[in-house]
Amino acid sequence: MSERPILDPQPLRDLLEIGAPASLVQELIALFQEDVPYRLGRLEKALGSADLGAAAAEAHTLKGALGSLGLQQFMDLTARMEAHARAGRLEETVDLAQGLAAAYADALQGLLETFPAT
């Protein structure tokens, strides 16, 4: 796994500091819980059919969303997956995909612990 922390809370704290309501952060966490499993399913389906173009596109989309939430380790994983998929390295991309479920669980736990619902 990456040397970076699971979560850098600063991007979400920045939203709160500029006056966004706490409910916005909770909405973003809810969207994460709703959208990321769907995206992971699409990514795994693309890998299952050896469609590296689709896998790279899904990994890229995930990377952007994860970065905006400060989910550094999960973002790093998807960035590596995207790079391998774009380079045509299916086996390496599939190997990295083995860590997706744990990365999702760690990221969600980090979000929920750092930004608990009030």
PDB file of N, CA and C in Angstrom:
ATOM      1  N   MET A   1       0.841  -1.177   0.000  1.00  0.00           N
ATOM      2  CA  MET A   1       0.000   0.000   0.000  1.00  0.00           C
ATOM      3  C   MET A   1       0.889   1.244   0.000  1.00  0.00           C
ATOM      4  N   SER A   2       0.302   2.327  -0.257  1.00  0.00           N
ATOM      5  CA  SER A   2       0.993   3.611  -0.345  1.00  0.00           C
ATOM      6  C   SER A   2       1.524   4.057   1.012  1.00  0.00           C
ATOM      7  N   GLU A   3       2.583   4.846   0.972  1.00  0.00           N
ATOM      8  CA  GLU A   3       3.131   5.442   2.188  1.00  0.00           C
ATOM      9  C   GLU A   3       2.272   6.620   2.660  1.00  0.00           C
ATOM     10  N   ARG A   4       1.421   7.096   1.796  1.00  0.00           N
ATOM     11  CA  ARG A   4       0.568   8.239   2.133  1.00  0.00           C
ATOM     12  C   ARG A   4      -0.543   7.802   3.078  1.00  0.00           C
ATOM     13  N   PRO A   5      -1.125   8.740   3.813  1.00  0.00           N
ATOM     14  CA  PRO A   5      -2.220   8.370   4.721  1.00  0.00           C
ATOM     15  C   PRO A   5      -3.455   7.924   3.939  1.00  0.00           C
ATOM     16  N   ILE A   6      -4.314   7.178   4.610  1.00  0.00           N
ATOM     17  CA  ILE A   6      -5.571   6.772   3.987  1.00  0.00           C
ATOM     18  C   ILE A   6      -6.382   8.007   3.614  1.00  0.00           C
ATOM     19  N   LEU A   7      -6.457   8.952   4.535  1.00  0.00           N
ATOM     20  CA  LEU A   7      -7.280  10.147   4.327  1.00  0.00           C
ATOM     21  C   LEU A   7      -6.508  11.399   4.717  1.00  0.00           C
ATOM     22  N   ASP A   8      -6.483  12.337   3.805  1.00  0.00           N
ATOM     23  CA  ASP A   8      -6.064  13.705   4.127  1.00  0.00           C
ATOM     24  C   ASP A   8      -7.371  14.482   4.263  1.00  0.00           C
ATOM     25  N   PRO A   9      -7.772  14.821   5.472  1.00  0.00           N
ATOM     26  CA  PRO A   9      -9.081  15.454   5.659  1.00  0.00           C
ATOM     27  C   PRO A   9      -9.154  16.899   5.173  1.00  0.00           C
ATOM     28  N   GLN A  10      -8.032  17.471   4.771  1.00  0.00           N
ATOM     29  CA  GLN A  10      -8.023  18.894   4.451  1.00  0.00           C
ATOM     30  C   GLN A  10      -8.982  19.307   3.335  1.00  0.00           C
ATOM     31  N   PRO A  11      -9.112  18.555   2.233  1.00  0.00           N
ATOM     32  CA  PRO A  11     -10.066  19.006   1.204  1.00  0.00           C
ATOM     33  C   PRO A  11     -11.495  19.174   1.734  1.00  0.00           C
ATOM     34  N   LEU A  12     -11.943  18.252   2.571  1.00  0.00           N
ATOM     35  CA  LEU A  12     -13.287  18.379   3.124  1.00  0.00           C
ATOM     36  C   LEU A  12     -13.344  19.445   4.211  1.00  0.00           C
ATOM     37  N   ARG A  13     -12.294  19.578   4.984  1.00  0.00           N
ATOM     38  CA  ARG A  13     -12.249  20.656   5.988  1.00  0.00           C
ATOM     39  C   ARG A  13     -12.251  22.021   5.307  1.00  0.00           C
ATOM     40  N   ASP A  14     -11.584  22.112   4.162  1.00  0.00           N
ATOM     41  CA  ASP A  14     -11.586  23.374   3.419  1.00  0.00           C
ATOM     42  C   ASP A  14     -13.009  23.784   3.057  1.00  0.00           C
ATOM     43  N   LEU A  15     -13.822  22.817   2.649  1.00  0.00           N
ATOM     44  CA  LEU A  15     -15.223  23.121   2.341  1.00  0.00           C
ATOM     45  C   LEU A  15     -15.934  23.707   3.559  1.00  0.00           C
ATOM     46  N   LEU A  16     -15.701  23.091   4.707  1.00  0.00           N
ATOM     47  CA  LEU A  16     -16.342  23.572   5.933  1.00  0.00           C
ATOM     48  C   LEU A  16     -15.831  24.954   6.316  1.00  0.00           C
ATOM     49  N   GLU A  17     -14.545  25.186   6.118  1.00  0.00           N
ATOM     50  CA  GLU A  17     -13.945  26.472   6.482  1.00  0.00           C
ATOM     51  C   GLU A  17     -14.440  27.626   5.618  1.00  0.00           C
ATOM     52  N   ILE A  18     -14.847  27.327   4.388  1.00  0.00           N
ATOM     53  CA  ILE A  18     -15.365  28.405   3.531  1.00  0.00           C
ATOM     54  C   ILE A  18     -16.872  28.580   3.691  1.00  0.00           C
ATOM     55  N   GLY A  19     -17.450  27.826   4.655  1.00  0.00           N
ATOM     56  CA  GLY A  19     -18.850  28.046   4.978  1.00  0.00           C
ATOM     57  C   GLY A  19     -19.821  26.996   4.489  1.00  0.00           C
ATOM     58  N   ALA A  20     -19.331  25.937   3.866  1.00  0.00           N
ATOM     59  CA  ALA A  20     -20.245  24.876   3.446  1.00  0.00           C
ATOM     60  C   ALA A  20     -20.851  24.224   4.686  1.00  0.00           C
ATOM     61  N   PRO A  21     -22.108  23.853   4.624  1.00  0.00           N
ATOM     62  CA  PRO A  21     -22.714  23.196   5.786  1.00  0.00           C
ATOM     63  C   PRO A  21     -22.141  21.795   5.974  1.00  0.00           C
ATOM     64  N   ALA A  22     -22.131  21.341   7.204  1.00  0.00           N
ATOM     65  CA  ALA A  22     -21.636  19.990   7.506  1.00  0.00           C
ATOM     66  C   ALA A  22     -22.437  18.942   6.736  1.00  0.00           C
ATOM     67  N   SER A  23     -23.675  19.260   6.440  1.00  0.00           N
ATOM     68  CA  SER A  23     -24.506  18.310   5.695  1.00  0.00           C
ATOM     69  C   SER A  23     -23.938  18.044   4.296  1.00  0.00           C
ATOM     70  N   LEU A  24     -23.212  19.011   3.732  1.00  0.00           N
ATOM     71  CA  LEU A  24     -22.602  18.795   2.419  1.00  0.00           C
ATOM     72  C   LEU A  24     -21.547  17.692   2.497  1.00  0.00           C
ATOM     73  N   VAL A  25     -20.719  17.726   3.529  1.00  0.00           N
ATOM     74  CA  VAL A  25     -19.713  16.681   3.697  1.00  0.00           C
ATOM     75  C   VAL A  25     -20.403  15.330   3.858  1.00  0.00           C
ATOM     76  N   GLN A  26     -21.493  15.284   4.610  1.00  0.00           N
ATOM     77  CA  GLN A  26     -22.222  14.033   4.788  1.00  0.00           C
ATOM     78  C   GLN A  26     -22.812  13.560   3.457  1.00  0.00           C
ATOM     79  N   GLU A  27     -23.285  14.496   2.639  1.00  0.00           N
ATOM     80  CA  GLU A  27     -23.805  14.141   1.316  1.00  0.00           C
ATOM     81  C   GLU A  27     -22.697  13.574   0.438  1.00  0.00           C
ATOM     82  N   LEU A  28     -21.497  14.162   0.514  1.00  0.00           N
ATOM     83  CA  LEU A  28     -20.374  13.654  -0.271  1.00  0.00           C
ATOM     84  C   LEU A  28     -19.981  12.245   0.166  1.00  0.00           C
ATOM     85  N   ILE A  29     -20.022  11.998   1.457  1.00  0.00           N
ATOM     86  CA  ILE A  29     -19.724  10.657   1.960  1.00  0.00           C
ATOM     87  C   ILE A  29     -20.793   9.669   1.483  1.00  0.00           C
ATOM     88  N   ALA A  30     -22.048  10.081   1.517  1.00  0.00           N
ATOM     89  CA  ALA A  30     -23.130   9.218   1.036  1.00  0.00           C
ATOM     90  C   ALA A  30     -22.968   8.920  -0.456  1.00  0.00           C
ATOM     91  N   LEU A  31     -22.587   9.929  -1.222  1.00  0.00           N
ATOM     92  CA  LEU A  31     -22.337   9.709  -2.653  1.00  0.00           C
ATOM     93  C   LEU A  31     -21.175   8.752  -2.866  1.00  0.00           C
ATOM     94  N   PHE A  32     -20.144   8.876  -2.045  1.00  0.00           N
ATOM     95  CA  PHE A  32     -19.010   7.959  -2.103  1.00  0.00           C
ATOM     96  C   PHE A  32     -19.505   6.527  -1.888  1.00  0.00           C
ATOM     97  N   GLN A  33     -20.342   6.332  -0.871  1.00  0.00           N
ATOM     98  CA  GLN A  33     -20.854   5.004  -0.562  1.00  0.00           C
ATOM     99  C   GLN A  33     -21.750   4.456  -1.671  1.00  0.00           C
ATOM    100  N   GLU A  34     -22.417   5.338  -2.369  1.00  0.00           N
ATOM    101  CA  GLU A  34     -23.323   4.924  -3.433  1.00  0.00           C
ATOM    102  C   GLU A  34     -22.588   4.692  -4.752  1.00  0.00           C
ATOM    103  N   ASP A  35     -21.703   5.606  -5.113  1.00  0.00           N
ATOM    104  CA  ASP A  35     -21.095   5.577  -6.435  1.00  0.00           C
ATOM    105  C   ASP A  35     -19.874   4.670  -6.537  1.00  0.00           C
ATOM    106  N   VAL A  36     -19.045   4.645  -5.521  1.00  0.00           N
ATOM    107  CA  VAL A  36     -17.785   3.901  -5.638  1.00  0.00           C
ATOM    108  C   VAL A  36     -18.016   2.400  -5.841  1.00  0.00           C
ATOM    109  N   PRO A  37     -18.906   1.736  -5.102  1.00  0.00           N
ATOM    110  CA  PRO A  37     -19.127   0.312  -5.393  1.00  0.00           C
ATOM    111  C   PRO A  37     -19.585   0.070  -6.839  1.00  0.00           C
ATOM    112  N   TYR A  38     -20.414   0.968  -7.358  1.00  0.00           N
ATOM    113  CA  TYR A  38     -20.848   0.861  -8.756  1.00  0.00           C
ATOM    114  C   TYR A  38     -19.638   0.970  -9.694  1.00  0.00           C
ATOM    115  N   ARG A  39     -18.797   1.968  -9.448  1.00  0.00           N
ATOM    116  CA  ARG A  39     -17.600   2.162 -10.281  1.00  0.00           C
ATOM    117  C   ARG A  39     -16.647   0.972 -10.173  1.00  0.00           C
ATOM    118  N   LEU A  40     -16.493   0.453  -8.959  1.00  0.00           N
ATOM    119  CA  LEU A  40     -15.618  -0.712  -8.782  1.00  0.00           C
ATOM    120  C   LEU A  40     -16.155  -1.906  -9.559  1.00  0.00           C
ATOM    121  N   GLY A  41     -17.464  -2.067  -9.562  1.00  0.00           N
ATOM    122  CA  GLY A  41     -18.070  -3.147 -10.348  1.00  0.00           C
ATOM    123  C   GLY A  41     -17.791  -2.982 -11.829  1.00  0.00           C
ATOM    124  N   ARG A  42     -17.905  -1.771 -12.321  1.00  0.00           N
ATOM    125  CA  ARG A  42     -17.611  -1.514 -13.741  1.00  0.00           C
ATOM    126  C   ARG A  42     -16.141  -1.771 -14.051  1.00  0.00           C
ATOM    127  N   LEU A  43     -15.274  -1.374 -13.134  1.00  0.00           N
ATOM    128  CA  LEU A  43     -13.841  -1.596 -13.321  1.00  0.00           C
ATOM    129  C   LEU A  43     -13.532  -3.092 -13.348  1.00  0.00           C
ATOM    130  N   GLU A  44     -14.087  -3.823 -12.403  1.00  0.00           N
ATOM    131  CA  GLU A  44     -13.847  -5.266 -12.366  1.00  0.00           C
ATOM    132  C   GLU A  44     -14.437  -5.964 -13.586  1.00  0.00           C
ATOM    133  N   LYS A  45     -15.584  -5.509 -14.063  1.00  0.00           N
ATOM    134  CA  LYS A  45     -16.170  -6.081 -15.283  1.00  0.00           C
ATOM    135  C   LYS A  45     -15.262  -5.822 -16.481  1.00  0.00           C
ATOM    136  N   ALA A  46     -14.736  -4.618 -16.573  1.00  0.00           N
ATOM    137  CA  ALA A  46     -13.821  -4.297 -17.676  1.00  0.00           C
ATOM    138  C   ALA A  46     -12.585  -5.188 -17.618  1.00  0.00           C
ATOM    139  N   LEU A  47     -12.054  -5.387 -16.421  1.00  0.00           N
ATOM    140  CA  LEU A  47     -10.880  -6.248 -16.299  1.00  0.00           C
ATOM    141  C   LEU A  47     -11.224  -7.694 -16.620  1.00  0.00           C
ATOM    142  N   GLY A  48     -12.404  -8.134 -16.218  1.00  0.00           N
ATOM    143  CA  GLY A  48     -12.834  -9.500 -16.503  1.00  0.00           C
ATOM    144  C   GLY A  48     -12.952  -9.780 -17.985  1.00  0.00           C
ATOM    145  N   SER A  49     -13.260  -8.761 -18.759  1.00  0.00           N
ATOM    146  CA  SER A  49     -13.353  -8.925 -20.208  1.00  0.00           C
ATOM    147  C   SER A  49     -12.103  -8.416 -20.921  1.00  0.00           C
ATOM    148  N   ALA A  50     -11.061  -8.130 -20.145  1.00  0.00           N
ATOM    149  CA  ALA A  50      -9.763  -7.667 -20.674  1.00  0.00           C
ATOM    150  C   ALA A  50      -9.894  -6.382 -21.493  1.00  0.00           C
ATOM    151  N   ASP A  51     -10.867  -5.546 -21.139  1.00  0.00           N
ATOM    152  CA  ASP A  51     -11.054  -4.258 -21.813  1.00  0.00           C
ATOM    153  C   ASP A  51     -10.244  -3.203 -21.061  1.00  0.00           C
ATOM    154  N   LEU A  52      -8.980  -3.077 -21.437  1.00  0.00           N
ATOM    155  CA  LEU A  52      -8.092  -2.162 -20.724  1.00  0.00           C
ATOM    156  C   LEU A  52      -8.454  -0.703 -20.938  1.00  0.00           C
ATOM    157  N   GLY A  53      -9.058  -0.373 -22.060  1.00  0.00           N
ATOM    158  CA  GLY A  53      -9.495   1.001 -22.287  1.00  0.00           C
ATOM    159  C   GLY A  53     -10.586   1.400 -21.304  1.00  0.00           C
ATOM    160  N   ALA A  54     -11.572   0.528 -21.137  1.00  0.00           N
ATOM    161  CA  ALA A  54     -12.647   0.802 -20.187  1.00  0.00           C
ATOM    162  C   ALA A  54     -12.114   0.784 -18.758  1.00  0.00           C
ATOM    163  N   ALA A  55     -11.193  -0.127 -18.469  1.00  0.00           N
ATOM    164  CA  ALA A  55     -10.611  -0.192 -17.129  1.00  0.00           C
ATOM    165  C   ALA A  55      -9.847   1.092 -16.817  1.00  0.00           C
ATOM    166  N   ALA A  56      -9.079   1.571 -17.775  1.00  0.00           N
ATOM    167  CA  ALA A  56      -8.330   2.812 -17.563  1.00  0.00           C
ATOM    168  C   ALA A  56      -9.274   3.981 -17.341  1.00  0.00           C
ATOM    169  N   ALA A  57     -10.365   4.030 -18.104  1.00  0.00           N
ATOM    170  CA  ALA A  57     -11.331   5.125 -17.957  1.00  0.00           C
ATOM    171  C   ALA A  57     -11.991   5.093 -16.583  1.00  0.00           C
ATOM    172  N   GLU A  58     -12.392   3.921 -16.116  1.00  0.00           N
ATOM    173  CA  GLU A  58     -13.013   3.810 -14.786  1.00  0.00           C
ATOM    174  C   GLU A  58     -12.015   4.160 -13.688  1.00  0.00           C
ATOM    175  N   ALA A  59     -10.791   3.665 -13.824  1.00  0.00           N
ATOM    176  CA  ALA A  59      -9.765   3.980 -12.823  1.00  0.00           C
ATOM    177  C   ALA A  59      -9.511   5.483 -12.790  1.00  0.00           C
ATOM    178  N   HIS A  60      -9.512   6.118 -13.948  1.00  0.00           N
ATOM    179  CA  HIS A  60      -9.288   7.567 -14.025  1.00  0.00           C
ATOM    180  C   HIS A  60     -10.425   8.330 -13.334  1.00  0.00           C
ATOM    181  N   THR A  61     -11.655   7.920 -13.587  1.00  0.00           N
ATOM    182  CA  THR A  61     -12.810   8.563 -12.954  1.00  0.00           C
ATOM    183  C   THR A  61     -12.741   8.415 -11.438  1.00  0.00           C
ATOM    184  N   LEU A  62     -12.442   7.199 -10.986  1.00  0.00           N
ATOM    185  CA  LEU A  62     -12.308   6.962  -9.552  1.00  0.00           C
ATOM    186  C   LEU A  62     -11.199   7.810  -8.962  1.00  0.00           C
ATOM    187  N   LYS A  63     -10.070   7.863  -9.637  1.00  0.00           N
ATOM    188  CA  LYS A  63      -8.915   8.623  -9.148  1.00  0.00           C
ATOM    189  C   LYS A  63      -9.291  10.072  -8.875  1.00  0.00           C
ATOM    190  N   GLY A  64     -10.016  10.685  -9.777  1.00  0.00           N
ATOM    191  CA  GLY A  64     -10.421  12.075  -9.599  1.00  0.00           C
ATOM    192  C   GLY A  64     -11.360  12.264  -8.428  1.00  0.00           C
ATOM    193  N   ALA A  65     -12.347  11.386  -8.321  1.00  0.00           N
ATOM    194  CA  ALA A  65     -13.307  11.492  -7.221  1.00  0.00           C
ATOM    195  C   ALA A  65     -12.627  11.267  -5.879  1.00  0.00           C
ATOM    196  N   LEU A  66     -11.759  10.294  -5.824  1.00  0.00           N
ATOM    197  CA  LEU A  66     -11.071   9.978  -4.572  1.00  0.00           C
ATOM    198  C   LEU A  66     -10.139  11.098  -4.159  1.00  0.00           C
ATOM    199  N   GLY A  67      -9.472  11.693  -5.129  1.00  0.00           N
ATOM    200  CA  GLY A  67      -8.577  12.808  -4.828  1.00  0.00           C
ATOM    201  C   GLY A  67      -9.315  13.997  -4.260  1.00  0.00           C
ATOM    202  N   SER A  68     -10.509  14.253  -4.779  1.00  0.00           N
ATOM    203  CA  SER A  68     -11.263  15.407  -4.288  1.00  0.00           C
ATOM    204  C   SER A  68     -11.747  15.206  -2.852  1.00  0.00           C
ATOM    205  N   LEU A  69     -11.818  13.953  -2.418  1.00  0.00           N
ATOM    206  CA  LEU A  69     -12.208  13.659  -1.036  1.00  0.00           C
ATOM    207  C   LEU A  69     -11.009  13.492  -0.115  1.00  0.00           C
ATOM    208  N   GLY A  70      -9.815  13.545  -0.679  1.00  0.00           N
ATOM    209  CA  GLY A  70      -8.604  13.398   0.133  1.00  0.00           C
ATOM    210  C   GLY A  70      -8.253  11.954   0.442  1.00  0.00           C
ATOM    211  N   LEU A  71      -8.800  11.016  -0.302  1.00  0.00           N
ATOM    212  CA  LEU A  71      -8.558   9.592  -0.062  1.00  0.00           C
ATOM    213  C   LEU A  71      -7.285   9.157  -0.789  1.00  0.00           C
ATOM    214  N   GLN A  72      -6.170   9.431  -0.171  1.00  0.00           N
ATOM    215  CA  GLN A  72      -4.873   9.336  -0.833  1.00  0.00           C
ATOM    216  C   GLN A  72      -4.464   7.920  -1.213  1.00  0.00           C
ATOM    217  N   GLN A  73      -4.555   6.964  -0.294  1.00  0.00           N
ATOM    218  CA  GLN A  73      -4.113   5.611  -0.626  1.00  0.00           C
ATOM    219  C   GLN A  73      -4.982   4.987  -1.717  1.00  0.00           C
ATOM    220  N   PHE A  74      -6.284   5.160  -1.617  1.00  0.00           N
ATOM    221  CA  PHE A  74      -7.211   4.624  -2.611  1.00  0.00           C
ATOM    222  C   PHE A  74      -6.959   5.300  -3.958  1.00  0.00           C
ATOM    223  N   MET A  75      -6.722   6.597  -3.934  1.00  0.00           N
ATOM    224  CA  MET A  75      -6.417   7.328  -5.158  1.00  0.00           C
ATOM    225  C   MET A  75      -5.124   6.820  -5.782  1.00  0.00           C
ATOM    226  N   ASP A  76      -4.098   6.584  -4.964  1.00  0.00           N
ATOM    227  CA  ASP A  76      -2.837   6.068  -5.476  1.00  0.00           C
ATOM    228  C   ASP A  76      -3.028   4.712  -6.149  1.00  0.00           C
ATOM    229  N   LEU A  77      -3.842   3.855  -5.543  1.00  0.00           N
ATOM    230  CA  LEU A  77      -4.110   2.539  -6.119  1.00  0.00           C
ATOM    231  C   LEU A  77      -4.766   2.675  -7.485  1.00  0.00           C
ATOM    232  N   THR A  78      -5.772   3.522  -7.587  1.00  0.00           N
ATOM    233  CA  THR A  78      -6.454   3.680  -8.874  1.00  0.00           C
ATOM    234  C   THR A  78      -5.552   4.359  -9.892  1.00  0.00           C
ATOM    235  N   ALA A  79      -4.669   5.240  -9.458  1.00  0.00           N
ATOM    236  CA  ALA A  79      -3.717   5.861 -10.384  1.00  0.00           C
ATOM    237  C   ALA A  79      -2.766   4.813 -10.956  1.00  0.00           C
ATOM    238  N   ARG A  80      -2.296   3.911 -10.103  1.00  0.00           N
ATOM    239  CA  ARG A  80      -1.414   2.837 -10.588  1.00  0.00           C
ATOM    240  C   ARG A  80      -2.169   1.912 -11.535  1.00  0.00           C
ATOM    241  N   MET A  81      -3.424   1.623 -11.199  1.00  0.00           N
ATOM    242  CA  MET A  81      -4.230   0.783 -12.084  1.00  0.00           C
ATOM    243  C   MET A  81      -4.425   1.449 -13.440  1.00  0.00           C
ATOM    244  N   GLU A  82      -4.725   2.721 -13.408  1.00  0.00           N
ATOM    245  CA  GLU A  82      -4.911   3.446 -14.672  1.00  0.00           C
ATOM    246  C   GLU A  82      -3.646   3.391 -15.516  1.00  0.00           C
ATOM    247  N   ALA A  83      -2.501   3.631 -14.894  1.00  0.00           N
ATOM    248  CA  ALA A  83      -1.228   3.624 -15.633  1.00  0.00           C
ATOM    249  C   ALA A  83      -0.949   2.248 -16.236  1.00  0.00           C
ATOM    250  N   HIS A  84      -1.162   1.203 -15.463  1.00  0.00           N
ATOM    251  CA  HIS A  84      -0.933  -0.151 -15.985  1.00  0.00           C
ATOM    252  C   HIS A  84      -1.909  -0.473 -17.109  1.00  0.00           C
ATOM    253  N   ALA A  85      -3.169  -0.093 -16.941  1.00  0.00           N
ATOM    254  CA  ALA A  85      -4.157  -0.370 -17.983  1.00  0.00           C
ATOM    255  C   ALA A  85      -3.814   0.385 -19.262  1.00  0.00           C
ATOM    256  N   ARG A  86      -3.417   1.634 -19.141  1.00  0.00           N
ATOM    257  CA  ARG A  86      -3.059   2.418 -20.335  1.00  0.00           C
ATOM    258  C   ARG A  86      -1.814   1.852 -21.017  1.00  0.00           C
ATOM    259  N   ALA A  87      -0.943   1.217 -20.238  1.00  0.00           N
ATOM    260  CA  ALA A  87       0.271   0.616 -20.803  1.00  0.00           C
ATOM    261  C   ALA A  87       0.016  -0.797 -21.341  1.00  0.00           C
ATOM    262  N   GLY A  88      -1.223  -1.268 -21.227  1.00  0.00           N
ATOM    263  CA  GLY A  88      -1.559  -2.577 -21.753  1.00  0.00           C
ATOM    264  C   GLY A  88      -1.134  -3.740 -20.869  1.00  0.00           C
ATOM    265  N   ARG A  89      -0.915  -3.465 -19.602  1.00  0.00           N
ATOM    266  CA  ARG A  89      -0.437  -4.499 -18.685  1.00  0.00           C
ATOM    267  C   ARG A  89      -1.617  -5.056 -17.875  1.00  0.00           C
ATOM    268  N   LEU A  90      -2.330  -5.976 -18.496  1.00  0.00           N
ATOM    269  CA  LEU A  90      -3.540  -6.547 -17.895  1.00  0.00           C
ATOM    270  C   LEU A  90      -3.238  -7.253 -16.583  1.00  0.00           C
ATOM    271  N   GLU A  91      -2.238  -8.125 -16.568  1.00  0.00           N
ATOM    272  CA  GLU A  91      -1.964  -8.907 -15.364  1.00  0.00           C
ATOM    273  C   GLU A  91      -1.658  -8.012 -14.166  1.00  0.00           C
ATOM    274  N   GLU A  92      -0.849  -6.982 -14.376  1.00  0.00           N
ATOM    275  CA  GLU A  92      -0.517  -6.071 -13.283  1.00  0.00           C
ATOM    276  C   GLU A  92      -1.745  -5.300 -12.812  1.00  0.00           C
ATOM    277  N   THR A  93      -2.600  -4.927 -13.750  1.00  0.00           N
ATOM    278  CA  THR A  93      -3.822  -4.197 -13.402  1.00  0.00           C
ATOM    279  C   THR A  93      -4.753  -5.091 -12.593  1.00  0.00           C
ATOM    280  N   VAL A  94      -4.895  -6.331 -13.021  1.00  0.00           N
ATOM    281  CA  VAL A  94      -5.732  -7.285 -12.297  1.00  0.00           C
ATOM    282  C   VAL A  94      -5.162  -7.534 -10.898  1.00  0.00           C
ATOM    283  N   ASP A  95      -3.853  -7.659 -10.809  1.00  0.00           N
ATOM    284  CA  ASP A  95      -3.226  -7.859  -9.489  1.00  0.00           C
ATOM    285  C   ASP A  95      -3.545  -6.697  -8.551  1.00  0.00           C
ATOM    286  N   LEU A  96      -3.459  -5.483  -9.053  1.00  0.00           N
ATOM    287  CA  LEU A  96      -3.772  -4.319  -8.228  1.00  0.00           C
ATOM    288  C   LEU A  96      -5.245  -4.301  -7.825  1.00  0.00           C
ATOM    289  N   ALA A  97      -6.104  -4.796  -8.699  1.00  0.00           N
ATOM    290  CA  ALA A  97      -7.544  -4.805  -8.423  1.00  0.00           C
ATOM    291  C   ALA A  97      -7.879  -5.645  -7.188  1.00  0.00           C
ATOM    292  N   GLN A  98      -6.994  -6.556  -6.838  1.00  0.00           N
ATOM    293  CA  GLN A  98      -7.222  -7.387  -5.648  1.00  0.00           C
ATOM    294  C   GLN A  98      -7.309  -6.528  -4.388  1.00  0.00           C
ATOM    295  N   GLY A  99      -6.714  -5.336  -4.413  1.00  0.00           N
ATOM    296  CA  GLY A  99      -6.721  -4.468  -3.241  1.00  0.00           C
ATOM    297  C   GLY A  99      -7.865  -3.478  -3.193  1.00  0.00           C
ATOM    298  N   LEU A 100      -8.756  -3.508  -4.169  1.00  0.00           N
ATOM    299  CA  LEU A 100      -9.820  -2.507  -4.234  1.00  0.00           C
ATOM    300  C   LEU A 100     -10.794  -2.579  -3.062  1.00  0.00           C
ATOM    301  N   ALA A 101     -11.227  -3.773  -2.706  1.00  0.00           N
ATOM    302  CA  ALA A 101     -12.213  -3.894  -1.621  1.00  0.00           C
ATOM    303  C   ALA A 101     -11.643  -3.376  -0.306  1.00  0.00           C
ATOM    304  N   ALA A 102     -10.407  -3.731  -0.008  1.00  0.00           N
ATOM    305  CA  ALA A 102      -9.780  -3.255   1.234  1.00  0.00           C
ATOM    306  C   ALA A 102      -9.576  -1.750   1.191  1.00  0.00           C
ATOM    307  N   ALA A 103      -9.187  -1.223   0.034  1.00  0.00           N
ATOM    308  CA  ALA A 103      -8.985   0.222  -0.087  1.00  0.00           C
ATOM    309  C   ALA A 103     -10.301   0.963   0.125  1.00  0.00           C
ATOM    310  N   TYR A 104     -11.383   0.427  -0.426  1.00  0.00           N
ATOM    311  CA  TYR A 104     -12.697   1.039  -0.237  1.00  0.00           C
ATOM    312  C   TYR A 104     -13.078   1.019   1.241  1.00  0.00           C
ATOM    313  N   ALA A 105     -12.918  -0.128   1.880  1.00  0.00           N
ATOM    314  CA  ALA A 105     -13.288  -0.258   3.294  1.00  0.00           C
ATOM    315  C   ALA A 105     -12.470   0.699   4.166  1.00  0.00           C
ATOM    316  N   ASP A 106     -11.177   0.768   3.913  1.00  0.00           N
ATOM    317  CA  ASP A 106     -10.317   1.675   4.690  1.00  0.00           C
ATOM    318  C   ASP A 106     -10.718   3.125   4.480  1.00  0.00           C
ATOM    319  N   ALA A 107     -10.997   3.479   3.222  1.00  0.00           N
ATOM    320  CA  ALA A 107     -11.371   4.858   2.899  1.00  0.00           C
ATOM    321  C   ALA A 107     -12.689   5.232   3.576  1.00  0.00           C
ATOM    322  N   LEU A 108     -13.657   4.342   3.497  1.00  0.00           N
ATOM    323  CA  LEU A 108     -14.954   4.618   4.112  1.00  0.00           C
ATOM    324  C   LEU A 108     -14.808   4.762   5.621  1.00  0.00           C
ATOM    325  N   GLN A 109     -14.058   3.881   6.229  1.00  0.00           N
ATOM    326  CA  GLN A 109     -13.837   3.980   7.677  1.00  0.00           C
ATOM    327  C   GLN A 109     -13.171   5.298   8.032  1.00  0.00           C
ATOM    328  N   GLY A 110     -12.177   5.698   7.257  1.00  0.00           N
ATOM    329  CA  GLY A 110     -11.504   6.980   7.508  1.00  0.00           C
ATOM    330  C   GLY A 110     -12.452   8.155   7.419  1.00  0.00           C
ATOM    331  N   LEU A 111     -13.310   8.144   6.398  1.00  0.00           N
ATOM    332  CA  LEU A 111     -14.282   9.229   6.240  1.00  0.00           C
ATOM    333  C   LEU A 111     -15.263   9.269   7.407  1.00  0.00           C
ATOM    334  N   LEU A 112     -15.798   8.111   7.761  1.00  0.00           N
ATOM    335  CA  LEU A 112     -16.817   8.062   8.808  1.00  0.00           C
ATOM    336  C   LEU A 112     -16.254   8.404  10.180  1.00  0.00           C
ATOM    337  N   GLU A 113     -15.014   8.025  10.432  1.00  0.00           N
ATOM    338  CA  GLU A 113     -14.390   8.352  11.723  1.00  0.00           C
ATOM    339  C   GLU A 113     -14.021   9.826  11.813  1.00  0.00           C
ATOM    340  N   THR A 114     -13.566  10.391  10.713  1.00  0.00           N
ATOM    341  CA  THR A 114     -13.107  11.773  10.709  1.00  0.00           C
ATOM    342  C   THR A 114     -14.275  12.752  10.607  1.00  0.00           C
ATOM    343  N   PHE A 115     -15.313  12.359   9.891  1.00  0.00           N
ATOM    344  CA  PHE A 115     -16.468  13.227   9.688  1.00  0.00           C
ATOM    345  C   PHE A 115     -17.754  12.472  10.085  1.00  0.00           C
ATOM    346  N   PRO A 116     -17.905  12.200  11.394  1.00  0.00           N
ATOM    347  CA  PRO A 116     -19.092  11.454  11.827  1.00  0.00           C
ATOM    348  C   PRO A 116     -20.366  12.278  11.612  1.00  0.00           C
ATOM    349  N   ALA A 117     -21.427  11.558  11.339  1.00  0.00           N
ATOM    350  CA  ALA A 117     -22.728  12.230  11.188  1.00  0.00           C
ATOM    351  C   ALA A 117     -23.119  12.825  12.535  1.00  0.00           C
ATOM    352  N   THR A 118     -23.645  14.025  12.480  1.00  0.00           N
ATOM    353  CA  THR A 118     -24.028  14.700  13.730  1.00  0.00           C
ATOM    354  C   THR A 118     -25.521  14.743  13.913  1.00  0.00           C
TER     355      THR A 118
END
